[in-house]
């Protein structure tokens, strides 16, 4: 199915919010993510989905909202998928605990 940019940004937002809410509701801490493999698996799926939708946003859309680091987001997806064994979980923890809330705020402004 081919999605429009609007549909993609809604999917990105939905995945980001669900992941963020799960982390908060389950009182997951950075240390938990660094050590618990099931949690690592849990966060990678929404991050894959976010990155995949970002990758397929049009260049014009990405340019219009250039304050969001689109290439870093899609690049993270590619790294997770193609170099999973080399994943630096400290970076993923930074993304989940620091960058994800910022992304949610920025997308709220777009929506």
N, C-alpha and C. Protein backbone atom coordinates (compact mmCIF):
# COMPACT_ATOMS: atom_id res chain seq x y z
N UNK A 1 0.84 -1.18 0.00
CA UNK A 1 0.00 0.00 0.00
C UNK A 1 0.88 1.24 0.00
N UNK A 2 0.56 2.17 -0.85
CA UNK A 2 1.31 3.42 -0.92
C UNK A 2 0.61 4.45 -0.04
N UNK A 3 1.37 5.02 0.86
CA UNK A 3 0.84 6.01 1.78
C UNK A 3 1.19 7.42 1.32
N UNK A 4 0.34 8.36 1.65
CA UNK A 4 0.65 9.76 1.42
C UNK A 4 1.58 10.23 2.54
N UNK A 5 2.20 11.39 2.35
CA UNK A 5 3.04 11.95 3.41
C UNK A 5 2.23 12.14 4.69
N UNK A 6 1.01 12.61 4.55
CA UNK A 6 0.15 12.83 5.73
C UNK A 6 -0.10 11.51 6.46
N UNK A 7 -0.39 10.46 5.70
CA UNK A 7 -0.61 9.15 6.33
C UNK A 7 0.66 8.64 6.99
N UNK A 8 1.78 8.85 6.34
CA UNK A 8 3.05 8.41 6.92
C UNK A 8 3.37 9.15 8.22
N UNK A 9 3.16 10.46 8.23
CA UNK A 9 3.47 11.22 9.45
C UNK A 9 2.54 10.82 10.58
N UNK A 10 1.31 10.47 10.25
CA UNK A 10 0.38 9.98 11.27
C UNK A 10 0.84 8.63 11.81
N UNK A 11 1.34 7.76 10.94
CA UNK A 11 1.87 6.46 11.38
C UNK A 11 3.11 6.64 12.25
N UNK A 12 3.98 7.56 11.85
CA UNK A 12 5.18 7.85 12.63
C UNK A 12 4.78 8.31 14.02
N UNK A 13 3.85 9.24 14.07
CA UNK A 13 3.37 9.79 15.34
C UNK A 13 2.75 8.68 16.20
N UNK A 14 1.91 7.87 15.60
CA UNK A 14 1.25 6.79 16.33
C UNK A 14 2.26 5.82 16.94
N UNK A 15 3.25 5.41 16.16
CA UNK A 15 4.28 4.50 16.68
C UNK A 15 5.10 5.15 17.78
N UNK A 16 5.45 6.40 17.59
CA UNK A 16 6.26 7.11 18.59
C UNK A 16 5.50 7.25 19.90
N UNK A 17 4.25 7.64 19.82
CA UNK A 17 3.44 7.82 21.03
C UNK A 17 3.23 6.49 21.75
N UNK A 18 2.90 5.45 21.00
CA UNK A 18 2.69 4.14 21.64
C UNK A 18 3.95 3.66 22.35
N UNK A 19 5.09 3.82 21.72
CA UNK A 19 6.35 3.41 22.35
C UNK A 19 6.62 4.24 23.60
N UNK A 20 6.46 5.55 23.47
CA UNK A 20 6.70 6.45 24.61
C UNK A 20 5.76 6.12 25.77
N UNK A 21 4.49 5.92 25.48
CA UNK A 21 3.52 5.59 26.53
C UNK A 21 3.85 4.26 27.19
N UNK A 22 4.27 3.29 26.40
CA UNK A 22 4.62 1.99 26.97
C UNK A 22 5.79 2.13 27.95
N UNK A 23 6.77 2.89 27.54
CA UNK A 23 7.95 3.11 28.40
C UNK A 23 7.53 3.74 29.73
N UNK A 24 6.68 4.76 29.66
CA UNK A 24 6.23 5.46 30.86
C UNK A 24 5.33 4.58 31.72
N UNK A 25 4.32 3.96 31.10
CA UNK A 25 3.35 3.15 31.85
C UNK A 25 4.00 1.97 32.55
N UNK A 26 5.06 1.45 31.99
CA UNK A 26 5.74 0.29 32.58
C UNK A 26 6.98 0.67 33.37
N UNK A 27 7.14 1.97 33.58
CA UNK A 27 8.24 2.48 34.40
C UNK A 27 9.60 1.91 33.97
N UNK A 28 9.80 1.86 32.66
CA UNK A 28 11.05 1.32 32.13
C UNK A 28 12.13 2.40 32.22
N UNK A 29 13.25 2.02 32.73
CA UNK A 29 14.39 2.93 32.90
C UNK A 29 15.45 2.62 31.86
N UNK A 30 16.34 3.56 31.70
CA UNK A 30 17.45 3.42 30.75
C UNK A 30 18.22 2.11 30.99
N UNK A 31 18.52 1.83 32.26
CA UNK A 31 19.29 0.65 32.61
C UNK A 31 18.56 -0.63 32.19
N UNK A 32 17.22 -0.61 32.28
CA UNK A 32 16.43 -1.76 31.86
C UNK A 32 16.64 -2.03 30.37
N UNK A 33 16.59 -0.97 29.59
CA UNK A 33 16.75 -1.11 28.15
C UNK A 33 18.16 -1.58 27.78
N UNK A 34 19.13 -1.18 28.54
CA UNK A 34 20.51 -1.57 28.25
C UNK A 34 20.77 -3.05 28.53
N UNK A 35 19.95 -3.66 29.40
CA UNK A 35 20.27 -5.01 29.84
C UNK A 35 19.22 -6.07 29.50
N UNK A 36 17.99 -5.67 29.24
CA UNK A 36 16.91 -6.65 29.04
C UNK A 36 16.64 -6.87 27.55
N UNK A 37 17.01 -8.02 27.07
CA UNK A 37 16.84 -8.33 25.64
C UNK A 37 15.38 -8.24 25.21
N UNK A 38 14.42 -8.73 25.98
CA UNK A 38 13.02 -8.58 25.53
C UNK A 38 12.63 -7.11 25.33
N UNK A 39 13.11 -6.22 26.16
CA UNK A 39 12.83 -4.79 25.99
C UNK A 39 13.52 -4.26 24.74
N UNK A 40 14.72 -4.73 24.48
CA UNK A 40 15.42 -4.31 23.27
C UNK A 40 14.63 -4.72 22.03
N UNK A 41 14.11 -5.92 22.05
CA UNK A 41 13.29 -6.38 20.93
C UNK A 41 12.02 -5.53 20.83
N UNK A 42 11.46 -5.22 21.97
CA UNK A 42 10.21 -4.46 22.00
C UNK A 42 10.38 -3.07 21.38
N UNK A 43 11.46 -2.39 21.68
CA UNK A 43 11.62 -1.02 21.16
C UNK A 43 12.05 -1.00 19.70
N UNK A 44 12.68 -2.06 19.23
CA UNK A 44 13.16 -2.01 17.85
C UNK A 44 12.03 -2.02 16.83
N UNK A 45 10.95 -2.72 17.09
CA UNK A 45 9.87 -2.78 16.11
C UNK A 45 9.28 -1.40 15.83
N UNK A 46 8.89 -0.63 16.84
CA UNK A 46 8.38 0.71 16.52
C UNK A 46 9.46 1.60 15.88
N UNK A 47 10.71 1.44 16.29
CA UNK A 47 11.77 2.24 15.68
C UNK A 47 11.96 1.87 14.21
N UNK A 48 11.86 0.58 13.90
CA UNK A 48 11.90 0.16 12.49
C UNK A 48 10.78 0.84 11.71
N UNK A 49 9.57 0.75 12.26
CA UNK A 49 8.40 1.29 11.57
C UNK A 49 8.51 2.79 11.37
N UNK A 50 8.95 3.49 12.39
CA UNK A 50 9.14 4.93 12.27
C UNK A 50 10.16 5.23 11.17
N UNK A 51 11.29 4.56 11.22
CA UNK A 51 12.34 4.79 10.23
C UNK A 51 11.91 4.46 8.82
N UNK A 52 11.13 3.41 8.68
CA UNK A 52 10.65 3.01 7.35
C UNK A 52 9.72 4.07 6.77
N UNK A 53 8.80 4.57 7.59
CA UNK A 53 7.89 5.62 7.11
C UNK A 53 8.65 6.91 6.81
N UNK A 54 9.62 7.24 7.63
CA UNK A 54 10.43 8.44 7.38
C UNK A 54 11.16 8.31 6.06
N UNK A 55 11.72 7.15 5.82
CA UNK A 55 12.48 6.92 4.59
C UNK A 55 11.64 7.22 3.35
N UNK A 56 10.37 6.89 3.41
CA UNK A 56 9.51 7.06 2.25
C UNK A 56 8.75 8.39 2.20
N UNK A 57 8.98 9.27 3.16
CA UNK A 57 8.40 10.61 3.05
C UNK A 57 9.02 11.29 1.84
N UNK A 58 8.27 12.12 1.18
CA UNK A 58 8.80 12.81 0.01
C UNK A 58 9.90 13.80 0.42
N UNK A 59 10.79 14.06 -0.50
CA UNK A 59 11.87 15.03 -0.26
C UNK A 59 11.29 16.39 0.07
N UNK A 60 10.21 16.75 -0.61
CA UNK A 60 9.57 18.05 -0.38
C UNK A 60 9.04 18.15 1.05
N UNK A 61 8.46 17.08 1.53
CA UNK A 61 7.93 17.07 2.89
C UNK A 61 9.06 17.21 3.90
N UNK A 62 10.11 16.44 3.70
CA UNK A 62 11.26 16.51 4.61
C UNK A 62 11.88 17.90 4.60
N UNK A 63 11.94 18.50 3.44
CA UNK A 63 12.49 19.85 3.33
C UNK A 63 11.60 20.86 4.05
N UNK A 64 10.30 20.71 3.90
CA UNK A 64 9.35 21.63 4.53
C UNK A 64 9.46 21.60 6.06
N UNK A 65 9.85 20.46 6.60
CA UNK A 65 10.00 20.30 8.05
C UNK A 65 11.44 19.90 8.37
N UNK A 66 12.35 20.73 7.91
CA UNK A 66 13.78 20.46 8.02
C UNK A 66 14.34 20.48 9.43
N UNK A 67 13.55 20.91 10.39
CA UNK A 67 14.01 20.93 11.78
C UNK A 67 14.04 19.53 12.40
N UNK A 68 13.40 18.57 11.73
CA UNK A 68 13.40 17.19 12.21
C UNK A 68 14.53 16.44 11.49
N UNK A 69 15.35 15.71 12.23
CA UNK A 69 16.50 15.01 11.62
C UNK A 69 16.08 13.73 10.88
N UNK A 70 15.39 13.91 9.76
CA UNK A 70 14.83 12.79 9.01
C UNK A 70 15.89 11.75 8.64
N UNK A 71 17.03 12.20 8.13
CA UNK A 71 18.04 11.23 7.68
C UNK A 71 18.60 10.41 8.85
N UNK A 72 18.69 11.02 10.02
CA UNK A 72 19.16 10.27 11.19
C UNK A 72 18.14 9.21 11.61
N UNK A 73 16.86 9.57 11.50
CA UNK A 73 15.80 8.65 11.89
C UNK A 73 15.76 7.45 10.94
N UNK A 74 15.79 7.71 9.65
CA UNK A 74 15.77 6.59 8.71
C UNK A 74 17.09 5.83 8.76
N UNK A 75 18.18 6.52 9.02
CA UNK A 75 19.48 5.86 9.15
C UNK A 75 19.51 4.90 10.33
N UNK A 76 18.85 5.29 11.43
CA UNK A 76 18.78 4.41 12.60
C UNK A 76 18.07 3.11 12.24
N UNK A 77 17.00 3.23 11.48
CA UNK A 77 16.27 2.04 11.05
C UNK A 77 17.17 1.11 10.25
N UNK A 78 17.92 1.68 9.32
CA UNK A 78 18.81 0.87 8.49
C UNK A 78 19.89 0.19 9.34
N UNK A 79 20.41 0.91 10.30
CA UNK A 79 21.43 0.33 11.19
C UNK A 79 20.85 -0.82 12.02
N UNK A 80 19.65 -0.60 12.56
CA UNK A 80 19.02 -1.65 13.36
C UNK A 80 18.74 -2.90 12.54
N UNK A 81 18.28 -2.71 11.33
CA UNK A 81 17.91 -3.84 10.48
C UNK A 81 19.14 -4.56 9.95
N UNK A 82 20.12 -3.81 9.49
CA UNK A 82 21.24 -4.42 8.78
C UNK A 82 22.48 -4.68 9.64
N UNK A 83 22.51 -4.11 10.84
CA UNK A 83 23.66 -4.33 11.73
C UNK A 83 23.18 -4.54 13.16
N UNK A 84 22.14 -5.36 13.32
CA UNK A 84 21.52 -5.54 14.63
C UNK A 84 22.53 -5.99 15.68
N UNK A 85 23.41 -6.90 15.31
CA UNK A 85 24.39 -7.39 16.28
C UNK A 85 25.37 -6.31 16.71
N UNK A 86 25.51 -5.28 15.91
CA UNK A 86 26.41 -4.17 16.24
C UNK A 86 25.70 -2.99 16.88
N UNK A 87 24.47 -3.20 17.33
CA UNK A 87 23.68 -2.11 17.90
C UNK A 87 24.32 -1.60 19.18
N UNK A 88 24.46 -0.29 19.24
CA UNK A 88 24.94 0.37 20.45
C UNK A 88 23.69 0.76 21.25
N UNK A 89 23.41 0.01 22.30
CA UNK A 89 22.19 0.23 23.06
C UNK A 89 22.20 1.52 23.84
N UNK A 90 23.36 2.08 24.09
CA UNK A 90 23.41 3.42 24.71
C UNK A 90 22.80 4.46 23.77
N UNK A 91 23.08 4.32 22.48
CA UNK A 91 22.50 5.25 21.50
C UNK A 91 21.00 5.04 21.41
N UNK A 92 20.56 3.80 21.39
CA UNK A 92 19.12 3.51 21.32
C UNK A 92 18.43 4.06 22.57
N UNK A 93 19.05 3.91 23.72
CA UNK A 93 18.48 4.46 24.96
C UNK A 93 18.37 5.97 24.87
N UNK A 94 19.38 6.63 24.32
CA UNK A 94 19.30 8.09 24.11
C UNK A 94 18.12 8.45 23.22
N UNK A 95 17.96 7.67 22.15
CA UNK A 95 16.85 7.91 21.22
C UNK A 95 15.52 7.76 21.94
N UNK A 96 15.35 6.65 22.66
CA UNK A 96 14.08 6.34 23.31
C UNK A 96 13.76 7.33 24.44
N UNK A 97 14.74 7.65 25.25
CA UNK A 97 14.47 8.46 26.43
C UNK A 97 14.64 9.96 26.23
N UNK A 98 15.42 10.36 25.23
CA UNK A 98 15.66 11.79 25.03
C UNK A 98 15.09 12.32 23.72
N UNK A 99 15.30 11.60 22.64
CA UNK A 99 14.90 12.10 21.32
C UNK A 99 13.45 11.83 20.98
N UNK A 100 12.92 10.71 21.41
CA UNK A 100 11.54 10.34 21.07
C UNK A 100 10.53 11.38 21.56
N UNK A 101 10.62 11.85 22.82
CA UNK A 101 9.67 12.87 23.26
C UNK A 101 9.76 14.16 22.42
N UNK A 102 10.95 14.51 21.98
CA UNK A 102 11.13 15.70 21.14
C UNK A 102 10.48 15.48 19.78
N UNK A 103 10.67 14.29 19.21
CA UNK A 103 10.05 13.97 17.92
C UNK A 103 8.53 14.06 18.04
N UNK A 104 7.98 13.53 19.10
CA UNK A 104 6.53 13.57 19.32
C UNK A 104 6.05 15.03 19.34
N UNK A 105 6.75 15.88 20.06
CA UNK A 105 6.38 17.30 20.13
C UNK A 105 6.44 17.96 18.76
N UNK A 106 7.48 17.67 18.01
CA UNK A 106 7.64 18.28 16.67
C UNK A 106 6.54 17.81 15.73
N UNK A 107 6.19 16.55 15.80
CA UNK A 107 5.14 16.04 14.91
C UNK A 107 3.77 16.57 15.33
N UNK A 108 3.57 16.76 16.63
CA UNK A 108 2.32 17.37 17.09
C UNK A 108 2.12 18.74 16.43
N UNK A 109 3.19 19.48 16.29
CA UNK A 109 3.12 20.81 15.66
C UNK A 109 2.71 20.68 14.19
N UNK A 110 3.18 19.63 13.53
CA UNK A 110 2.86 19.41 12.12
C UNK A 110 1.39 19.01 11.97
N UNK A 111 0.95 18.13 12.85
CA UNK A 111 -0.42 17.63 12.76
C UNK A 111 -1.41 18.69 13.21
